Amino acid sequence: MPTEAPALITASALAKDLGVSDARVKKAIKDLELAPAAKKGCCSFYDSEAILKLKAFLK
């Protein structure tokens, strides 16, 4: 049975979900010094652990 891949999301998709600007999320990523879980081309994808940290930081 294959295991499910962890949910990954981009900074702009997370910003849309949270209802904040892309710039605010990207600044939070920089302030928290979060590294992306995966990269595809120039797009960075963040895992659920990073998403939880960002949500807590942005509240």
PDB file of N, CA and C in Angstrom:
ATOM      1  N   MET A   1       0.842  -1.169   0.000  1.00  0.00           N
ATOM      2  CA  MET A   1       0.000   0.000   0.000  1.00  0.00           C
ATOM      3  C   MET A   1       0.893   1.240   0.000  1.00  0.00           C
ATOM      4  N   PRO A   2       0.724   2.142  -0.956  1.00  0.00           N
ATOM      5  CA  PRO A   2       1.569   3.334  -1.009  1.00  0.00           C
ATOM      6  C   PRO A   2       1.219   4.298   0.120  1.00  0.00           C
ATOM      7  N   THR A   3       2.243   4.964   0.626  1.00  0.00           N
ATOM      8  CA  THR A   3       2.004   5.963   1.664  1.00  0.00           C
ATOM      9  C   THR A   3       1.646   7.286   1.007  1.00  0.00           C
ATOM     10  N   GLU A   4       0.852   8.066   1.708  1.00  0.00           N
ATOM     11  CA  GLU A   4       0.459   9.354   1.162  1.00  0.00           C
ATOM     12  C   GLU A   4       1.599  10.356   1.337  1.00  0.00           C
ATOM     13  N   ALA A   5       1.787  11.184   0.323  1.00  0.00           N
ATOM     14  CA  ALA A   5       2.792  12.227   0.401  1.00  0.00           C
ATOM     15  C   ALA A   5       2.262  13.337   1.299  1.00  0.00           C
ATOM     16  N   PRO A   6       3.135  13.989   2.044  1.00  0.00           N
ATOM     17  CA  PRO A   6       2.672  15.079   2.896  1.00  0.00           C
ATOM     18  C   PRO A   6       2.147  16.229   2.043  1.00  0.00           C
ATOM     19  N   ALA A   7       1.168  16.941   2.568  1.00  0.00           N
ATOM     20  CA  ALA A   7       0.593  18.071   1.846  1.00  0.00           C
ATOM     21  C   ALA A   7       1.612  19.200   1.805  1.00  0.00           C
ATOM     22  N   LEU A   8       1.888  19.678   0.622  1.00  0.00           N
ATOM     23  CA  LEU A   8       2.820  20.787   0.437  1.00  0.00           C
ATOM     24  C   LEU A   8       2.067  21.948  -0.186  1.00  0.00           C
ATOM     25  N   ILE A   9       2.424  23.170   0.194  1.00  0.00           N
ATOM     26  CA  ILE A   9       1.721  24.349  -0.292  1.00  0.00           C
ATOM     27  C   ILE A   9       2.732  25.463  -0.527  1.00  0.00           C
ATOM     28  N   THR A  10       2.446  26.298  -1.504  1.00  0.00           N
ATOM     29  CA  THR A  10       3.309  27.438  -1.792  1.00  0.00           C
ATOM     30  C   THR A  10       2.951  28.597  -0.874  1.00  0.00           C
ATOM     31  N   ALA A  11       3.840  29.563  -0.789  1.00  0.00           N
ATOM     32  CA  ALA A  11       3.602  30.739   0.048  1.00  0.00           C
ATOM     33  C   ALA A  11       2.386  31.514  -0.446  1.00  0.00           C
ATOM     34  N   SER A  12       2.233  31.664  -1.742  1.00  0.00           N
ATOM     35  CA  SER A  12       1.098  32.434  -2.266  1.00  0.00           C
ATOM     36  C   SER A  12      -0.227  31.712  -2.038  1.00  0.00           C
ATOM     37  N   ALA A  13      -0.241  30.388  -2.123  1.00  0.00           N
ATOM     38  CA  ALA A  13      -1.464  29.637  -1.842  1.00  0.00           C
ATOM     39  C   ALA A  13      -1.823  29.735  -0.367  1.00  0.00           C
ATOM     40  N   LEU A  14      -0.823  29.718   0.491  1.00  0.00           N
ATOM     41  CA  LEU A  14      -1.065  29.870   1.920  1.00  0.00           C
ATOM     42  C   LEU A  14      -1.602  31.264   2.226  1.00  0.00           C
ATOM     43  N   ALA A  15      -1.051  32.263   1.582  1.00  0.00           N
ATOM     44  CA  ALA A  15      -1.528  33.638   1.775  1.00  0.00           C
ATOM     45  C   ALA A  15      -2.997  33.754   1.393  1.00  0.00           C
ATOM     46  N   LYS A  16      -3.362  33.135   0.294  1.00  0.00           N
ATOM     47  CA  LYS A  16      -4.759  33.170  -0.153  1.00  0.00           C
ATOM     48  C   LYS A  16      -5.655  32.474   0.870  1.00  0.00           C
ATOM     49  N   ASP A  17      -5.215  31.331   1.385  1.00  0.00           N
ATOM     50  CA  ASP A  17      -5.992  30.593   2.390  1.00  0.00           C
ATOM     51  C   ASP A  17      -6.181  31.408   3.669  1.00  0.00           C
ATOM     52  N   LEU A  18      -5.143  32.146   4.066  1.00  0.00           N
ATOM     53  CA  LEU A  18      -5.196  32.914   5.308  1.00  0.00           C
ATOM     54  C   LEU A  18      -5.814  34.297   5.125  1.00  0.00           C
ATOM     55  N   GLY A  19      -5.955  34.727   3.892  1.00  0.00           N
ATOM     56  CA  GLY A  19      -6.525  36.044   3.623  1.00  0.00           C
ATOM     57  C   GLY A  19      -5.561  37.187   3.904  1.00  0.00           C
ATOM     58  N   VAL A  20      -4.268  36.935   3.722  1.00  0.00           N
ATOM     59  CA  VAL A  20      -3.246  37.968   3.900  1.00  0.00           C
ATOM     60  C   VAL A  20      -2.458  38.116   2.603  1.00  0.00           C
ATOM     61  N   SER A  21      -1.626  39.132   2.546  1.00  0.00           N
ATOM     62  CA  SER A  21      -0.859  39.370   1.327  1.00  0.00           C
ATOM     63  C   SER A  21       0.295  38.376   1.182  1.00  0.00           C
ATOM     64  N   ASP A  22       0.700  38.178  -0.057  1.00  0.00           N
ATOM     65  CA  ASP A  22       1.856  37.313  -0.340  1.00  0.00           C
ATOM     66  C   ASP A  22       3.102  37.852   0.362  1.00  0.00           C
ATOM     67  N   ALA A  23       3.259  39.168   0.338  1.00  0.00           N
ATOM     68  CA  ALA A  23       4.436  39.788   0.931  1.00  0.00           C
ATOM     69  C   ALA A  23       4.511  39.508   2.431  1.00  0.00           C
ATOM     70  N   ARG A  24       3.365  39.526   3.105  1.00  0.00           N
ATOM     71  CA  ARG A  24       3.348  39.266   4.551  1.00  0.00           C
ATOM     72  C   ARG A  24       3.786  37.835   4.850  1.00  0.00           C
ATOM     73  N   VAL A  25       3.322  36.881   4.057  1.00  0.00           N
ATOM     74  CA  VAL A  25       3.707  35.485   4.253  1.00  0.00           C
ATOM     75  C   VAL A  25       5.190  35.300   3.939  1.00  0.00           C
ATOM     76  N   LYS A  26       5.654  35.885   2.860  1.00  0.00           N
ATOM     77  CA  LYS A  26       7.066  35.739   2.491  1.00  0.00           C
ATOM     78  C   LYS A  26       7.987  36.387   3.522  1.00  0.00           C
ATOM     79  N   LYS A  27       7.552  37.513   4.111  1.00  0.00           N
ATOM     80  CA  LYS A  27       8.341  38.146   5.169  1.00  0.00           C
ATOM     81  C   LYS A  27       8.373  37.249   6.402  1.00  0.00           C
ATOM     82  N   ALA A  28       7.249  36.625   6.737  1.00  0.00           N
ATOM     83  CA  ALA A  28       7.191  35.713   7.885  1.00  0.00           C
ATOM     84  C   ALA A  28       8.114  34.514   7.661  1.00  0.00           C
ATOM     85  N   ILE A  29       8.136  33.994   6.449  1.00  0.00           N
ATOM     86  CA  ILE A  29       9.027  32.874   6.122  1.00  0.00           C
ATOM     87  C   ILE A  29      10.482  33.287   6.340  1.00  0.00           C
ATOM     88  N   LYS A  30      10.806  34.495   5.905  1.00  0.00           N
ATOM     89  CA  LYS A  30      12.175  34.994   6.078  1.00  0.00           C
ATOM     90  C   LYS A  30      12.487  35.212   7.557  1.00  0.00           C
ATOM     91  N   ASP A  31      11.552  35.822   8.304  1.00  0.00           N
ATOM     92  CA  ASP A  31      11.765  36.091   9.731  1.00  0.00           C
ATOM     93  C   ASP A  31      11.930  34.801  10.530  1.00  0.00           C
ATOM     94  N   LEU A  32      11.140  33.770  10.178  1.00  0.00           N
ATOM     95  CA  LEU A  32      11.203  32.489  10.877  1.00  0.00           C
ATOM     96  C   LEU A  32      12.335  31.597  10.368  1.00  0.00           C
ATOM     97  N   GLU A  33      12.982  32.029   9.288  1.00  0.00           N
ATOM     98  CA  GLU A  33      14.071  31.282   8.648  1.00  0.00           C
ATOM     99  C   GLU A  33      13.633  29.862   8.291  1.00  0.00           C
ATOM    100  N   LEU A  34      12.453  29.758   7.675  1.00  0.00           N
ATOM    101  CA  LEU A  34      11.935  28.455   7.270  1.00  0.00           C
ATOM    102  C   LEU A  34      12.533  28.040   5.936  1.00  0.00           C
ATOM    103  N   ALA A  35      12.909  26.792   5.845  1.00  0.00           N
ATOM    104  CA  ALA A  35      13.417  26.234   4.596  1.00  0.00           C
ATOM    105  C   ALA A  35      12.280  25.461   3.929  1.00  0.00           C
ATOM    106  N   PRO A  36      12.185  25.525   2.614  1.00  0.00           N
ATOM    107  CA  PRO A  36      11.126  24.778   1.940  1.00  0.00           C
ATOM    108  C   PRO A  36      11.338  23.272   2.051  1.00  0.00           C
ATOM    109  N   ALA A  37      10.237  22.543   2.097  1.00  0.00           N
ATOM    110  CA  ALA A  37      10.306  21.080   2.146  1.00  0.00           C
ATOM    111  C   ALA A  37      10.656  20.529   0.772  1.00  0.00           C
ATOM    112  N   ALA A  38      10.287  21.272  -0.273  1.00  0.00           N
ATOM    113  CA  ALA A  38      10.577  20.857  -1.648  1.00  0.00           C
ATOM    114  C   ALA A  38      10.647  22.090  -2.537  1.00  0.00           C
ATOM    115  N   LYS A  39      11.362  21.949  -3.625  1.00  0.00           N
ATOM    116  CA  LYS A  39      11.437  23.014  -4.628  1.00  0.00           C
ATOM    117  C   LYS A  39      11.217  22.403  -5.999  1.00  0.00           C
ATOM    118  N   LYS A  40      10.489  23.130  -6.820  1.00  0.00           N
ATOM    119  CA  LYS A  40      10.315  22.728  -8.211  1.00  0.00           C
ATOM    120  C   LYS A  40      10.507  23.983  -9.032  1.00  0.00           C
ATOM    121  N   GLY A  41      11.628  24.040  -9.703  1.00  0.00           N
ATOM    122  CA  GLY A  41      11.966  25.259 -10.422  1.00  0.00           C
ATOM    123  C   GLY A  41      12.198  26.377  -9.422  1.00  0.00           C
ATOM    124  N   CYS A  42      11.502  27.483  -9.608  1.00  0.00           N
ATOM    125  CA  CYS A  42      11.645  28.608  -8.675  1.00  0.00           C
ATOM    126  C   CYS A  42      10.600  28.587  -7.569  1.00  0.00           C
ATOM    127  N   CYS A  43       9.712  27.604  -7.573  1.00  0.00           N
ATOM    128  CA  CYS A  43       8.638  27.520  -6.569  1.00  0.00           C
ATOM    129  C   CYS A  43       9.106  26.733  -5.353  1.00  0.00           C
ATOM    130  N   SER A  44       8.829  27.291  -4.183  1.00  0.00           N
ATOM    131  CA  SER A  44       9.136  26.618  -2.921  1.00  0.00           C
ATOM    132  C   SER A  44       7.839  26.101  -2.321  1.00  0.00           C
ATOM    133  N   PHE A  45       7.887  24.888  -1.807  1.00  0.00           N
ATOM    134  CA  PHE A  45       6.723  24.260  -1.204  1.00  0.00           C
ATOM    135  C   PHE A  45       7.021  23.986   0.264  1.00  0.00           C
ATOM    136  N   TYR A  46       6.052  24.307   1.119  1.00  0.00           N
ATOM    137  CA  TYR A  46       6.228  24.166   2.558  1.00  0.00           C
ATOM    138  C   TYR A  46       5.322  23.069   3.090  1.00  0.00           C
ATOM    139  N   ASP A  47       5.822  22.346   4.101  1.00  0.00           N
ATOM    140  CA  ASP A  47       5.071  21.223   4.677  1.00  0.00           C
ATOM    141  C   ASP A  47       4.174  21.696   5.822  1.00  0.00           C
ATOM    142  N   SER A  48       3.442  20.755   6.408  1.00  0.00           N
ATOM    143  CA  SER A  48       2.462  21.092   7.437  1.00  0.00           C
ATOM    144  C   SER A  48       3.107  21.698   8.680  1.00  0.00           C
ATOM    145  N   GLU A  49       4.314  21.279   9.023  1.00  0.00           N
ATOM    146  CA  GLU A  49       5.008  21.845  10.188  1.00  0.00           C
ATOM    147  C   GLU A  49       5.292  23.326   9.972  1.00  0.00           C
ATOM    148  N   ALA A  50       5.786  23.673   8.800  1.00  0.00           N
ATOM    149  CA  ALA A  50       6.060  25.072   8.477  1.00  0.00           C
ATOM    150  C   ALA A  50       4.768  25.878   8.406  1.00  0.00           C
ATOM    151  N   ILE A  51       3.712  25.271   7.891  1.00  0.00           N
ATOM    152  CA  ILE A  51       2.426  25.957   7.786  1.00  0.00           C
ATOM    153  C   ILE A  51       1.898  26.303   9.173  1.00  0.00           C
ATOM    154  N   LEU A  52       2.015  25.387  10.123  1.00  0.00           N
ATOM    155  CA  LEU A  52       1.570  25.646  11.494  1.00  0.00           C
ATOM    156  C   LEU A  52       2.365  26.787  12.121  1.00  0.00           C
ATOM    157  N   LYS A  53       3.671  26.814  11.898  1.00  0.00           N
ATOM    158  CA  LYS A  53       4.507  27.888  12.430  1.00  0.00           C
ATOM    159  C   LYS A  53       4.107  29.231  11.821  1.00  0.00           C
ATOM    160  N   LEU A  54       3.846  29.239  10.515  1.00  0.00           N
ATOM    161  CA  LEU A  54       3.449  30.478   9.842  1.00  0.00           C
ATOM    162  C   LEU A  54       2.100  30.970  10.339  1.00  0.00           C
ATOM    163  N   LYS A  55       1.143  30.073  10.493  1.00  0.00           N
ATOM    164  CA  LYS A  55      -0.180  30.467  10.970  1.00  0.00           C
ATOM    165  C   LYS A  55      -0.080  31.080  12.370  1.00  0.00           C
ATOM    166  N   ALA A  56       0.703  30.479  13.245  1.00  0.00           N
ATOM    167  CA  ALA A  56       0.868  31.003  14.606  1.00  0.00           C
ATOM    168  C   ALA A  56       1.559  32.367  14.577  1.00  0.00           C
ATOM    169  N   PHE A  57       2.549  32.524  13.713  1.00  0.00           N
ATOM    170  CA  PHE A  57       3.299  33.765  13.618  1.00  0.00           C
ATOM    171  C   PHE A  57       2.435  34.894  13.063  1.00  0.00           C
ATOM    172  N   LEU A  58       1.547  34.585  12.134  1.00  0.00           N
ATOM    173  CA  LEU A  58       0.744  35.619  11.472  1.00  0.00           C
ATOM    174  C   LEU A  58      -0.508  36.027  12.237  1.00  0.00           C
ATOM    175  N   LYS A  59      -0.841  35.307  13.299  1.00  0.00           N
ATOM    176  CA  LYS A  59      -2.043  35.665  14.072  1.00  0.00           C
ATOM    177  C   LYS A  59      -1.788  36.789  15.021  1.00  0.00           C
TER     178      LYS A  59
END
